[in-house]
PDB file of N, CA and C in Angstrom:
ATOM      1  N   MET A   1      19.637  22.198  33.465  1.00  0.00           N
ATOM      2  CA  MET A   1      18.455  22.231  33.402  1.00  0.00           C
ATOM      3  C   MET A   1      17.709  22.861  32.295  1.00  0.00           C
ATOM      4  N   SER A   2      17.670  23.491  32.012  1.00  0.00           N
ATOM      5  CA  SER A   2      17.222  24.544  30.721  1.00  0.00           C
ATOM      6  C   SER A   2      17.644  23.766  29.160  1.00  0.00           C
ATOM      7  N   ASP A   3      17.830  23.384  28.922  1.00  0.00           N
ATOM      8  CA  ASP A   3      18.401  22.487  28.141  1.00  0.00           C
ATOM      9  C   ASP A   3      17.104  21.430  27.750  1.00  0.00           C
ATOM     10  N   TYR A   4      17.471  20.709  29.128  1.00  0.00           N
ATOM     11  CA  TYR A   4      16.362  19.559  28.869  1.00  0.00           C
ATOM     12  C   TYR A   4      14.982  20.238  28.515  1.00  0.00           C
ATOM     13  N   ALA A   5      14.767  21.391  29.780  1.00  0.00           N
ATOM     14  CA  ALA A   5      13.308  21.689  29.158  1.00  0.00           C
ATOM     15  C   ALA A   5      12.828  22.222  27.761  1.00  0.00           C
ATOM     16  N   LEU A   6      13.816  22.920  27.169  1.00  0.00           N
ATOM     17  CA  LEU A   6      13.538  23.607  25.529  1.00  0.00           C
ATOM     18  C   LEU A   6      13.869  21.991  24.648  1.00  0.00           C
ATOM     19  N   ILE A   7      14.445  20.744  25.239  1.00  0.00           N
ATOM     20  CA  ILE A   7      14.262  19.822  24.493  1.00  0.00           C
ATOM     21  C   ILE A   7      12.986  19.327  25.011  1.00  0.00           C
ATOM     22  N   CYS A   8      12.428  19.058  26.043  1.00  0.00           N
ATOM     23  CA  CYS A   8      10.939  18.210  26.193  1.00  0.00           C
ATOM     24  C   CYS A   8      10.053  19.331  25.123  1.00  0.00           C
ATOM     25  N   VAL A   9       9.963  20.666  25.170  1.00  0.00           N
ATOM     26  CA  VAL A   9       8.876  21.914  25.023  1.00  0.00           C
ATOM     27  C   VAL A   9       9.166  21.034  23.258  1.00  0.00           C
ATOM     28  N   PHE A  10      10.145  21.149  22.116  1.00  0.00           N
ATOM     29  CA  PHE A  10      10.202  20.944  20.892  1.00  0.00           C
ATOM     30  C   PHE A  10      10.097  19.587  21.008  1.00  0.00           C
ATOM     31  N   SER A  11      10.238  17.911  21.578  1.00  0.00           N
ATOM     32  CA  SER A  11       9.550  16.960  21.374  1.00  0.00           C
ATOM     33  C   SER A  11       7.844  17.470  21.814  1.00  0.00           C
ATOM     34  N   LEU A  12       7.424  18.021  22.623  1.00  0.00           N
ATOM     35  CA  LEU A  12       5.955  18.636  22.672  1.00  0.00           C
ATOM     36  C   LEU A  12       5.090  19.152  21.759  1.00  0.00           C
ATOM     37  N   LEU A  13       6.398  19.774  21.074  1.00  0.00           N
ATOM     38  CA  LEU A  13       5.654  20.614  20.051  1.00  0.00           C
ATOM     39  C   LEU A  13       5.559  19.858  18.924  1.00  0.00           C
ATOM     40  N   GLY A  14       6.499  19.103  18.651  1.00  0.00           N
ATOM     41  CA  GLY A  14       6.757  18.126  17.329  1.00  0.00           C
ATOM     42  C   GLY A  14       5.677  16.830  17.156  1.00  0.00           C
ATOM     43  N   THR A  15       5.434  16.564  18.560  1.00  0.00           N
ATOM     44  CA  THR A  15       4.696  14.983  18.083  1.00  0.00           C
ATOM     45  C   THR A  15       2.909  15.971  18.688  1.00  0.00           C
ATOM     46  N   PHE A  16       2.499  17.289  18.948  1.00  0.00           N
ATOM     47  CA  PHE A  16       0.899  17.755  19.097  1.00  0.00           C
ATOM     48  C   PHE A  16       1.253  18.250  16.618  1.00  0.00           C
ATOM     49  N   PHE A  17       1.982  18.786  16.713  1.00  0.00           N
ATOM     50  CA  PHE A  17       2.430  18.915  15.482  1.00  0.00           C
ATOM     51  C   PHE A  17       1.817  17.518  14.290  1.00  0.00           C
ATOM     52  N   ALA A  18       2.070  16.876  15.019  1.00  0.00           N
ATOM     53  CA  ALA A  18       2.183  15.503  13.725  1.00  0.00           C
ATOM     54  C   ALA A  18       0.732  14.730  14.605  1.00  0.00           C
ATOM     55  N   GLY A  19       0.662  14.841  15.512  1.00  0.00           N
ATOM     56  CA  GLY A  19      -0.503  14.311  16.154  1.00  0.00           C
ATOM     57  C   GLY A  19      -1.826  15.307  15.540  1.00  0.00           C
ATOM     58  N   GLY A  20      -2.065  16.400  15.450  1.00  0.00           N
ATOM     59  CA  GLY A  20      -2.767  17.125  14.995  1.00  0.00           C
ATOM     60  C   GLY A  20      -3.046  16.884  13.503  1.00  0.00           C
ATOM     61  N   ALA A  21      -2.002  16.867  12.748  1.00  0.00           N
ATOM     62  CA  ALA A  21      -2.102  16.802  11.544  1.00  0.00           C
ATOM     63  C   ALA A  21      -2.788  15.665  10.810  1.00  0.00           C
ATOM     64  N   ILE A  22      -2.366  13.934  11.266  1.00  0.00           N
ATOM     65  CA  ILE A  22      -3.444  13.016  11.353  1.00  0.00           C
ATOM     66  C   ILE A  22      -4.860  12.965  11.474  1.00  0.00           C
ATOM     67  N   LEU A  23      -4.658  13.913  12.561  1.00  0.00           N
ATOM     68  CA  LEU A  23      -5.843  13.600  13.584  1.00  0.00           C
ATOM     69  C   LEU A  23      -6.921  14.940  12.611  1.00  0.00           C
ATOM     70  N   LEU A  24      -6.624  15.820  12.345  1.00  0.00           N
ATOM     71  CA  LEU A  24      -7.002  16.843  11.027  1.00  0.00           C
ATOM     72  C   LEU A  24      -7.193  16.152   9.988  1.00  0.00           C
ATOM     73  N   SER A  25      -6.777  15.294   9.464  1.00  0.00           N
ATOM     74  CA  SER A  25      -6.491  14.532   8.074  1.00  0.00           C
ATOM     75  C   SER A  25      -7.674  13.384   8.066  1.00  0.00           C
ATOM     76  N   ARG A  26      -8.250  12.542   9.809  1.00  0.00           N
ATOM     77  CA  ARG A  26      -9.135  11.732   9.877  1.00  0.00           C
ATOM     78  C   ARG A  26     -10.483  12.644   9.512  1.00  0.00           C
ATOM     79  N   LEU A  27     -10.749  13.709  10.041  1.00  0.00           N
ATOM     80  CA  LEU A  27     -11.650  14.019  10.275  1.00  0.00           C
ATOM     81  C   LEU A  27     -11.765  15.017   9.147  1.00  0.00           C
ATOM     82  N   ILE A  28     -11.742  15.434   8.047  1.00  0.00           N
ATOM     83  CA  ILE A  28     -11.736  16.098   7.039  1.00  0.00           C
ATOM     84  C   ILE A  28     -11.429  15.193   5.742  1.00  0.00           C
ATOM     85  N   ALA A  29     -10.980  14.182   5.656  1.00  0.00           N
ATOM     86  CA  ALA A  29     -10.751  13.575   4.613  1.00  0.00           C
ATOM     87  C   ALA A  29     -12.517  12.743   4.235  1.00  0.00           C
ATOM     88  N   PRO A  30     -12.141  12.564   2.787  1.00  0.00           N
ATOM     89  CA  PRO A  30     -13.160  11.755   1.847  1.00  0.00           C
ATOM     90  C   PRO A  30     -13.064  10.865   2.442  1.00  0.00           C
ATOM     91  N   ARG A  31     -14.390  10.236   2.614  1.00  0.00           N
ATOM     92  CA  ARG A  31     -14.249   8.897   2.614  1.00  0.00           C
ATOM     93  C   ARG A  31     -15.018   8.213   1.652  1.00  0.00           C
ATOM     94  N   SER A  32     -15.612   7.398   1.483  1.00  0.00           N
ATOM     95  CA  SER A  32     -15.752   5.735   0.288  1.00  0.00           C
ATOM     96  C   SER A  32     -16.004   4.269   0.405  1.00  0.00           C
ATOM     97  N   PRO A  33     -17.178   3.747   0.817  1.00  0.00           N
ATOM     98  CA  PRO A  33     -17.627   2.096   1.564  1.00  0.00           C
ATOM     99  C   PRO A  33     -16.649   1.792   0.881  1.00  0.00           C
ATOM    100  N   ASP A  34     -16.093   0.492   1.341  1.00  0.00           N
ATOM    101  CA  ASP A  34     -15.108  -0.210   1.247  1.00  0.00           C
ATOM    102  C   ASP A  34     -15.906  -1.105   0.232  1.00  0.00           C
ATOM    103  N   THR A  35     -15.722  -1.206  -1.315  1.00  0.00           N
ATOM    104  CA  THR A  35     -16.901  -2.358  -1.876  1.00  0.00           C
ATOM    105  C   THR A  35     -15.923  -3.483  -2.071  1.00  0.00           C
ATOM    106  N   PRO A  36     -16.079  -4.631  -2.828  1.00  0.00           N
ATOM    107  CA  PRO A  36     -15.309  -5.695  -3.064  1.00  0.00           C
ATOM    108  C   PRO A  36     -14.844  -4.847  -4.599  1.00  0.00           C
ATOM    109  N   ARG A  37     -15.132  -4.103  -5.134  1.00  0.00           N
ATOM    110  CA  ARG A  37     -13.983  -3.594  -6.599  1.00  0.00           C
ATOM    111  C   ARG A  37     -13.165  -1.900  -5.681  1.00  0.00           C
ATOM    112  N   LYS A  38     -13.249  -1.796  -5.022  1.00  0.00           N
ATOM    113  CA  LYS A  38     -12.794  -0.804  -4.162  1.00  0.00           C
ATOM    114  C   LYS A  38     -11.410  -2.104  -3.449  1.00  0.00           C
ATOM    115  N   LEU A  39     -11.886  -2.701  -2.870  1.00  0.00           N
ATOM    116  CA  LEU A  39     -10.828  -3.934  -2.562  1.00  0.00           C
ATOM    117  C   LEU A  39     -10.089  -4.248  -3.174  1.00  0.00           C
ATOM    118  N   ALA A  40     -10.548  -4.956  -4.713  1.00  0.00           N
ATOM    119  CA  ALA A  40      -9.917  -5.992  -5.365  1.00  0.00           C
ATOM    120  C   ALA A  40      -8.370  -5.553  -5.591  1.00  0.00           C
ATOM    121  N   PRO A  41      -7.783  -6.369  -6.077  1.00  0.00           N
ATOM    122  CA  PRO A  41      -5.944  -5.757  -6.293  1.00  0.00           C
ATOM    123  C   PRO A  41      -5.863  -5.452  -7.869  1.00  0.00           C
ATOM    124  N   TYR A  42      -5.202  -4.916  -8.450  1.00  0.00           N
ATOM    125  CA  TYR A  42      -5.018  -4.237  -9.657  1.00  0.00           C
ATOM    126  C   TYR A  42      -3.872  -4.135  -9.456  1.00  0.00           C
ATOM    127  N   GLU A  43      -2.953  -4.077 -10.463  1.00  0.00           N
ATOM    128  CA  GLU A  43      -1.579  -3.619 -11.404  1.00  0.00           C
ATOM    129  C   GLU A  43      -1.754  -2.758 -12.761  1.00  0.00           C
ATOM    130  N   CYS A  44      -1.859  -1.905 -12.679  1.00  0.00           N
ATOM    131  CA  CYS A  44      -1.954  -0.633 -13.979  1.00  0.00           C
ATOM    132  C   CYS A  44      -2.872  -0.745 -14.563  1.00  0.00           C
ATOM    133  N   SER A  45      -4.920  -1.473 -13.711  1.00  0.00           N
ATOM    134  CA  SER A  45      -6.080  -1.338 -14.458  1.00  0.00           C
ATOM    135  C   SER A  45      -5.983  -3.186 -15.297  1.00  0.00           C
ATOM    136  N   MET A  46      -4.718  -4.161 -14.783  1.00  0.00           N
ATOM    137  CA  MET A  46      -5.298  -5.182 -15.373  1.00  0.00           C
ATOM    138  C   MET A  46      -5.157  -6.018 -14.371  1.00  0.00           C
ATOM    139  N   GLU A  47      -6.363  -6.895 -14.486  1.00  0.00           N
ATOM    140  CA  GLU A  47      -6.242  -8.082 -13.177  1.00  0.00           C
ATOM    141  C   GLU A  47      -5.226  -9.337 -12.995  1.00  0.00           C
ATOM    142  N   SER A  48      -4.328  -9.325 -12.081  1.00  0.00           N
ATOM    143  CA  SER A  48      -3.541 -10.301 -11.158  1.00  0.00           C
ATOM    144  C   SER A  48      -3.412 -11.017 -12.100  1.00  0.00           C
ATOM    145  N   ILE A  49      -2.041 -12.105 -12.209  1.00  0.00           N
ATOM    146  CA  ILE A  49      -1.704 -13.416 -12.754  1.00  0.00           C
ATOM    147  C   ILE A  49      -1.025 -13.711 -11.754  1.00  0.00           C
ATOM    148  N   GLY A  50      -0.826 -14.831 -11.428  1.00  0.00           N
ATOM    149  CA  GLY A  50      -0.286 -15.440 -10.212  1.00  0.00           C
ATOM    150  C   GLY A  50       0.086 -14.710  -9.560  1.00  0.00           C
ATOM    151  N   SER A  51       0.715 -15.726  -8.357  1.00  0.00           N
ATOM    152  CA  SER A  51       0.435 -15.253  -6.993  1.00  0.00           C
ATOM    153  C   SER A  51       2.197 -14.735  -6.870  1.00  0.00           C
ATOM    154  N   ALA A  52       2.396 -13.741  -5.868  1.00  0.00           N
ATOM    155  CA  ALA A  52       3.025 -11.982  -6.029  1.00  0.00           C
ATOM    156  C   ALA A  52       4.548 -12.926  -5.026  1.00  0.00           C
ATOM    157  N   ARG A  53       4.672 -14.111  -4.395  1.00  0.00           N
ATOM    158  CA  ARG A  53       5.445 -15.097  -3.998  1.00  0.00           C
ATOM    159  C   ARG A  53       6.230 -15.712  -4.613  1.00  0.00           C
ATOM    160  N   ILE A  54       7.458 -14.719  -5.005  1.00  0.00           N
ATOM    161  CA  ILE A  54       7.878 -15.403  -5.851  1.00  0.00           C
ATOM    162  C   ILE A  54       9.969 -15.530  -5.466  1.00  0.00           C
ATOM    163  N   GLN A  55      10.444 -16.335  -6.536  1.00  0.00           N
ATOM    164  CA  GLN A  55      11.852 -16.538  -5.707  1.00  0.00           C
ATOM    165  C   GLN A  55      12.673 -15.819  -6.230  1.00  0.00           C
ATOM    166  N   PHE A  56      13.569 -15.046  -5.465  1.00  0.00           N
ATOM    167  CA  PHE A  56      15.078 -14.552  -6.512  1.00  0.00           C
ATOM    168  C   PHE A  56      16.378 -14.875  -5.805  1.00  0.00           C
ATOM    169  N   LYS A  57      16.820 -14.425  -7.127  1.00  0.00           N
ATOM    170  CA  LYS A  57      18.357 -14.814  -6.482  1.00  0.00           C
ATOM    171  C   LYS A  57      19.030 -14.094  -5.152  1.00  0.00           C
ATOM    172  N   VAL A  58      20.025 -15.284  -4.554  1.00  0.00           N
ATOM    173  CA  VAL A  58      20.542 -14.379  -3.502  1.00  0.00           C
ATOM    174  C   VAL A  58      21.554 -13.338  -4.032  1.00  0.00           C
ATOM    175  N   GLY A  59      22.238 -13.751  -5.180  1.00  0.00           N
ATOM    176  CA  GLY A  59      23.165 -12.722  -5.688  1.00  0.00           C
ATOM    177  C   GLY A  59      22.051 -11.188  -5.476  1.00  0.00           C
ATOM    178  N   TYR A  60      20.940 -11.041  -6.042  1.00  0.00           N
ATOM    179  CA  TYR A  60      20.419  -9.606  -5.261  1.00  0.00           C
ATOM    180  C   TYR A  60      20.721  -9.235  -4.174  1.00  0.00           C
ATOM    181  N   TYR A  61      20.737  -9.688  -3.765  1.00  0.00           N
ATOM    182  CA  TYR A  61      20.210  -9.373  -1.509  1.00  0.00           C
ATOM    183  C   TYR A  61      22.190  -9.637  -1.492  1.00  0.00           C
ATOM    184  N   LEU A  62      23.301 -10.318  -2.047  1.00  0.00           N
ATOM    185  CA  LEU A  62      24.594  -9.975  -1.209  1.00  0.00           C
ATOM    186  C   LEU A  62      24.988  -8.868  -2.289  1.00  0.00           C
ATOM    187  N   PHE A  63      24.373  -8.348  -3.555  1.00  0.00           N
ATOM    188  CA  PHE A  63      24.924  -7.536  -4.281  1.00  0.00           C
ATOM    189  C   PHE A  63      24.375  -5.964  -3.209  1.00  0.00           C
ATOM    190  N   ALA A  64      22.869  -5.849  -2.352  1.00  0.00           N
ATOM    191  CA  ALA A  64      22.685  -5.224  -1.463  1.00  0.00           C
ATOM    192  C   ALA A  64      23.307  -4.406  -0.690  1.00  0.00           C
ATOM    193  N   LEU A  65      23.830  -6.020   0.266  1.00  0.00           N
ATOM    194  CA  LEU A  65      24.339  -5.520   1.308  1.00  0.00           C
ATOM    195  C   LEU A  65      26.071  -4.788   1.381  1.00  0.00           C
ATOM    196  N   ILE A  66      26.514  -5.800  -0.656  1.00  0.00           N
ATOM    197  CA  ILE A  66      27.492  -4.820  -0.518  1.00  0.00           C
ATOM    198  C   ILE A  66      27.716  -3.865  -0.696  1.00  0.00           C
ATOM    199  N   PHE A  67      26.641  -2.993  -0.754  1.00  0.00           N
ATOM    200  CA  PHE A  67      26.493  -1.561  -1.421  1.00  0.00           C
ATOM    201  C   PHE A  67      26.214  -0.779   0.007  1.00  0.00           C
ATOM    202  N   MET A  68      25.485  -1.484   1.166  1.00  0.00           N
ATOM    203  CA  MET A  68      25.712  -0.927   2.166  1.00  0.00           C
ATOM    204  C   MET A  68      26.407  -0.694   2.723  1.00  0.00           C
ATOM    205  N   VAL A  69      27.222  -1.774   2.600  1.00  0.00           N
ATOM    206  CA  VAL A  69      28.335  -1.766   3.474  1.00  0.00           C
ATOM    207  C   VAL A  69      29.373  -1.096   3.315  1.00  0.00           C
ATOM    208  N   PHE A  70      29.274  -0.311   1.675  1.00  0.00           N
ATOM    209  CA  PHE A  70      30.290   0.416   0.930  1.00  0.00           C
ATOM    210  C   PHE A  70      29.598   1.864   1.316  1.00  0.00           C
ATOM    211  N   ASP A  71      28.159   2.140   0.968  1.00  0.00           N
ATOM    212  CA  ASP A  71      27.839   3.262   1.685  1.00  0.00           C
ATOM    213  C   ASP A  71      28.097   4.029   2.851  1.00  0.00           C
ATOM    214  N   VAL A  72      28.156   2.877   3.640  1.00  0.00           N
ATOM    215  CA  VAL A  72      27.565   3.022   5.139  1.00  0.00           C
ATOM    216  C   VAL A  72      29.549   3.557   6.150  1.00  0.00           C
ATOM    217  N   GLU A  73      30.379   2.801   4.720  1.00  0.00           N
ATOM    218  CA  GLU A  73      31.662   3.283   4.896  1.00  0.00           C
ATOM    219  C   GLU A  73      32.410   4.491   4.701  1.00  0.00           C
ATOM    220  N   ALA A  74      30.899   4.522   2.997  1.00  0.00           N
ATOM    221  CA  ALA A  74      31.590   6.517   2.742  1.00  0.00           C
ATOM    222  C   ALA A  74      31.021   7.216   3.604  1.00  0.00           C
ATOM    223  N   LEU A  75      30.428   6.945   4.294  1.00  0.00           N
ATOM    224  CA  LEU A  75      29.873   7.884   5.144  1.00  0.00           C
ATOM    225  C   LEU A  75      30.044   8.052   6.297  1.00  0.00           C
ATOM    226  N   PHE A  76      30.940   7.328   6.144  1.00  0.00           N
ATOM    227  CA  PHE A  76      31.908   7.498   8.022  1.00  0.00           C
ATOM    228  C   PHE A  76      33.254   8.481   7.355  1.00  0.00           C
ATOM    229  N   LEU A  77      33.260   7.995   6.257  1.00  0.00           N
ATOM    230  CA  LEU A  77      34.711   8.559   5.297  1.00  0.00           C
ATOM    231  C   LEU A  77      34.420  10.263   5.312  1.00  0.00           C
ATOM    232  N   PHE A  78      33.575  10.905   5.070  1.00  0.00           N
ATOM    233  CA  PHE A  78      32.797  12.430   4.705  1.00  0.00           C
ATOM    234  C   PHE A  78      33.435  12.604   6.096  1.00  0.00           C
ATOM    235  N   PRO A  79      33.049  12.351   7.708  1.00  0.00           N
ATOM    236  CA  PRO A  79      33.903  13.477   8.435  1.00  0.00           C
ATOM    237  C   PRO A  79      35.449  13.488   8.722  1.00  0.00           C
ATOM    238  N   CYS A  80      35.842  12.897   8.426  1.00  0.00           N
ATOM    239  CA  CYS A  80      37.601  12.021   8.462  1.00  0.00           C
ATOM    240  C   CYS A  80      38.087  12.979   7.009  1.00  0.00           C
ATOM    241  N   LEU A  81      37.798  12.902   6.204  1.00  0.00           N
ATOM    242  CA  LEU A  81      38.212  13.576   5.169  1.00  0.00           C
ATOM    243  C   LEU A  81      37.959  15.298   5.685  1.00  0.00           C
ATOM    244  N   ALA A  82      37.040  15.562   6.400  1.00  0.00           N
ATOM    245  CA  ALA A  82      36.756  17.113   6.951  1.00  0.00           C
ATOM    246  C   ALA A  82      38.054  17.605   7.514  1.00  0.00           C
ATOM    247  N   ASN A  83      37.715  16.750   8.354  1.00  0.00           N
ATOM    248  CA  ASN A  83      38.574  17.063   9.578  1.00  0.00           C
ATOM    249  C   ASN A  83      40.349  17.187   9.069  1.00  0.00           C
ATOM    250  N   PHE A  84      40.851  16.013   8.330  1.00  0.00           N
ATOM    251  CA  PHE A  84      42.025  15.839   7.418  1.00  0.00           C
ATOM    252  C   PHE A  84      42.544  17.247   6.185  1.00  0.00           C
ATOM    253  N   ARG A  85      41.732  17.593   5.481  1.00  0.00           N
ATOM    254  CA  ARG A  85      41.324  18.222   4.467  1.00  0.00           C
ATOM    255  C   ARG A  85      42.866  18.697   4.202  1.00  0.00           C
ATOM    256  N   ASP A  86      43.489  20.028   5.926  1.00  0.00           N
ATOM    257  CA  ASP A  86      45.074  20.669   5.039  1.00  0.00           C
ATOM    258  C   ASP A  86      45.889  20.157   5.732  1.00  0.00           C
ATOM    259  N   ALA A  87      45.939  18.591   6.546  1.00  0.00           N
ATOM    260  CA  ALA A  87      46.520  17.530   7.267  1.00  0.00           C
ATOM    261  C   ALA A  87      47.653  16.965   5.608  1.00  0.00           C
ATOM    262  N   GLY A  88      47.219  16.640   4.539  1.00  0.00           N
ATOM    263  CA  GLY A  88      47.964  16.268   3.682  1.00  0.00           C
ATOM    264  C   GLY A  88      47.448  14.376   3.874  1.00  0.00           C
ATOM    265  N   ALA A  89      48.322  14.065   2.577  1.00  0.00           N
ATOM    266  CA  ALA A  89      47.754  13.038   2.273  1.00  0.00           C
ATOM    267  C   ALA A  89      48.007  11.747   3.427  1.00  0.00           C
ATOM    268  N   GLY A  90      49.256  11.843   3.799  1.00  0.00           N
ATOM    269  CA  GLY A  90      49.486  10.508   4.914  1.00  0.00           C
ATOM    270  C   GLY A  90      48.601  10.198   5.677  1.00  0.00           C
ATOM    271  N   ALA A  91      47.612  12.029   6.462  1.00  0.00           N
ATOM    272  CA  ALA A  91      46.685  11.713   7.285  1.00  0.00           C
ATOM    273  C   ALA A  91      45.289  11.060   6.686  1.00  0.00           C
ATOM    274  N   VAL A  92      45.305  11.453   5.318  1.00  0.00           N
ATOM    275  CA  VAL A  92      44.301  11.172   5.039  1.00  0.00           C
ATOM    276  C   VAL A  92      44.204   9.531   4.486  1.00  0.00           C
ATOM    277  N   LEU A  93      44.903   9.578   4.701  1.00  0.00           N
ATOM    278  CA  LEU A  93      45.556   7.401   4.668  1.00  0.00           C
ATOM    279  C   LEU A  93      45.089   6.143   5.710  1.00  0.00           C
ATOM    280  N   SER A  94      45.912   7.702   6.858  1.00  0.00           N
ATOM    281  CA  SER A  94      45.753   6.875   7.957  1.00  0.00           C
ATOM    282  C   SER A  94      44.214   6.698   8.805  1.00  0.00           C
ATOM    283  N   CYS A  95      43.306   7.680   7.953  1.00  0.00           N
ATOM    284  CA  CYS A  95      41.599   7.814   8.468  1.00  0.00           C
ATOM    285  C   CYS A  95      41.431   6.692   7.573  1.00  0.00           C
ATOM    286  N   CYS A  96      41.645   6.617   6.571  1.00  0.00           N
ATOM    287  CA  CYS A  96      41.078   5.803   5.846  1.00  0.00           C
ATOM    288  C   CYS A  96      41.628   3.943   5.975  1.00  0.00           C
ATOM    289  N   ARG A  97      42.067   3.668   6.758  1.00  0.00           N
ATOM    290  CA  ARG A  97      43.001   2.360   6.096  1.00  0.00           C
ATOM    291  C   ARG A  97      42.189   1.834   7.413  1.00  0.00           C
ATOM    292  N   PRO A  98      41.225   2.111   8.522  1.00  0.00           N
ATOM    293  CA  PRO A  98      40.465   1.686   9.234  1.00  0.00           C
ATOM    294  C   PRO A  98      39.370   0.731   8.314  1.00  0.00           C
ATOM    295  N   ALA A  99      38.787   2.214   7.580  1.00  0.00           N
ATOM    296  CA  ALA A  99      37.560   1.721   6.686  1.00  0.00           C
ATOM    297  C   ALA A  99      37.935   1.152   5.556  1.00  0.00           C
ATOM    298  N   VAL A 100      38.837   0.837   4.874  1.00  0.00           N
ATOM    299  CA  VAL A 100      39.078  -0.015   3.492  1.00  0.00           C
ATOM    300  C   VAL A 100      39.460  -1.580   4.387  1.00  0.00           C
ATOM    301  N   ALA A 101      39.758  -1.735   5.803  1.00  0.00           N
ATOM    302  CA  ALA A 101      40.114  -3.115   6.338  1.00  0.00           C
ATOM    303  C   ALA A 101      38.351  -3.239   6.014  1.00  0.00           C
ATOM    304  N   SER A 102      37.593  -3.169   7.279  1.00  0.00           N
ATOM    305  CA  SER A 102      36.260  -3.682   7.386  1.00  0.00           C
ATOM    306  C   SER A 102      35.945  -3.690   6.220  1.00  0.00           C
ATOM    307  N   ALA A 103      35.813  -2.871   5.301  1.00  0.00           N
ATOM    308  CA  ALA A 103      35.125  -3.348   3.945  1.00  0.00           C
ATOM    309  C   ALA A 103      35.313  -4.746   2.844  1.00  0.00           C
ATOM    310  N   ALA A 104      37.135  -4.522   3.269  1.00  0.00           N
ATOM    311  CA  ALA A 104      37.538  -5.749   2.897  1.00  0.00           C
ATOM    312  C   ALA A 104      37.238  -7.105   3.554  1.00  0.00           C
ATOM    313  N   ARG A 105      37.482  -7.034   5.055  1.00  0.00           N
ATOM    314  CA  ARG A 105      36.323  -7.980   5.494  1.00  0.00           C
ATOM    315  C   ARG A 105      34.876  -8.324   5.610  1.00  0.00           C
ATOM    316  N   ALA A 106      34.286  -7.268   5.529  1.00  0.00           N
ATOM    317  CA  ALA A 106      32.980  -7.661   4.801  1.00  0.00           C
ATOM    318  C   ALA A 106      32.673  -8.766   3.147  1.00  0.00           C
ATOM    319  N   ALA A 107      33.592  -7.890   2.746  1.00  0.00           N
ATOM    320  CA  ALA A 107      33.718  -7.995   1.371  1.00  0.00           C
ATOM    321  C   ALA A 107      33.786 -10.043   1.462  1.00  0.00           C
ATOM    322  N   LEU A 108      35.065 -10.645   2.099  1.00  0.00           N
ATOM    323  CA  LEU A 108      35.726 -11.572   2.292  1.00  0.00           C
ATOM    324  C   LEU A 108      34.861 -12.821   2.737  1.00  0.00           C
ATOM    325  N   SER A 109      34.171 -12.230   3.640  1.00  0.00           N
ATOM    326  CA  SER A 109      32.985 -12.568   4.430  1.00  0.00           C
ATOM    327  C   SER A 109      31.618 -13.482   4.104  1.00  0.00           C
ATOM    328  N   LEU A 110      31.085 -12.145   2.698  1.00  0.00           N
ATOM    329  CA  LEU A 110      30.548 -12.529   1.563  1.00  0.00           C
ATOM    330  C   LEU A 110      31.040 -13.885   0.483  1.00  0.00           C
ATOM    331  N   VAL A 111      32.683 -13.720   0.848  1.00  0.00           N
ATOM    332  CA  VAL A 111      33.022 -14.734  -0.333  1.00  0.00           C
ATOM    333  C   VAL A 111      32.943 -16.153   0.152  1.00  0.00           C
ATOM    334  N   ARG A 112      33.547 -16.081   1.296  1.00  0.00           N
ATOM    335  CA  ARG A 112      33.329 -17.357   1.763  1.00  0.00           C
ATOM    336  C   ARG A 112      31.843 -17.775   2.190  1.00  0.00           C
ATOM    337  N   ALA A 113      31.287 -17.338   2.523  1.00  0.00           N
ATOM    338  CA  ALA A 113      29.272 -17.817   2.225  1.00  0.00           C
ATOM    339  C   ALA A 113      29.045 -18.046   1.197  1.00  0.00           C
ATOM    340  N   SER A 114      29.540 -17.439  -0.026  1.00  0.00           N
ATOM    341  CA  SER A 114      28.893 -17.804  -1.172  1.00  0.00           C
ATOM    342  C   SER A 114      28.967 -19.087  -1.692  1.00  0.00           C
ATOM    343  N   PRO A 115      27.766 -19.547  -1.857  1.00  0.00           N
ATOM    344  CA  PRO A 115      27.591 -21.033  -2.190  1.00  0.00           C
ATOM    345  C   PRO A 115      28.625 -21.847  -3.440  1.00  0.00           C
ATOM    346  N   ARG A 116      29.472 -21.388  -4.358  1.00  0.00           N
ATOM    347  CA  ARG A 116      30.428 -21.683  -5.036  1.00  0.00           C
ATOM    348  C   ARG A 116      31.380 -22.257  -4.215  1.00  0.00           C
ATOM    349  N   ASN A 117      31.847 -21.963  -3.123  1.00  0.00           N
ATOM    350  CA  ASN A 117      32.917 -21.902  -2.339  1.00  0.00           C
ATOM    351  C   ASN A 117      33.033 -23.205  -1.236  1.00  0.00           C
ATOM    352  N   ARG A 118      31.622 -23.895  -1.220  1.00  0.00           N
ATOM    353  CA  ARG A 118      31.206 -24.994  -0.341  1.00  0.00           C
ATOM    354  C   ARG A 118      31.619 -26.478  -1.311  1.00  0.00           C
ATOM    355  N   VAL A 119      32.045 -27.370  -0.353  1.00  0.00           N
ATOM    356  CA  VAL A 119      32.569 -28.475  -0.655  1.00  0.00           C
ATOM    357  C   VAL A 119      31.654 -29.483  -0.880  1.00  0.00           C
ATOM    358  N   PRO A 120      31.075 -29.953  -1.679  1.00  0.00           N
ATOM    359  CA  PRO A 120      29.762 -30.814  -1.536  1.00  0.00           C
ATOM    360  C   PRO A 120      30.526 -32.348  -0.928  1.00  0.00           C
ATOM    361  N   CYS A 121      29.390 -32.497   0.293  1.00  0.00           N
ATOM    362  CA  CYS A 121      30.058 -33.575   1.202  1.00  0.00           C
ATOM    363  C   CYS A 121      29.977 -34.941   0.753  1.00  0.00           C
ATOM    364  N   ALA A 122      30.714 -35.859   1.363  1.00  0.00           N
ATOM    365  CA  ALA A 122      31.130 -36.619   0.395  1.00  0.00           C
ATOM    366  C   ALA A 122      30.434 -38.038   1.182  1.00  0.00           C
TER     367      ALA A 122
END
């Protein structure tokens, strides 16, 4: 039971410090009135031209998703490799096989979903 009490104490202390910092900054921060000039959007001291809503290519999102898949897979490989440091190459390869299979499945699903592989309707 004392472990839970320690967790509660640290949670309360963390909440107190975070809330105290926010409250203190609200109290002592300098404020200026909201004028139209202050609320006007600008980019590098230049007036903005056009809309901020533009279309991006889907390839950028696919690249980001593939990066995330391999990044997460690499994250799961580190503890595995740390455990099998002295076990030899066979143990490391048996550990890496599920991660490689998972990454390959994710890559294949992305390739199958790409617009180039779709057959046009007749």
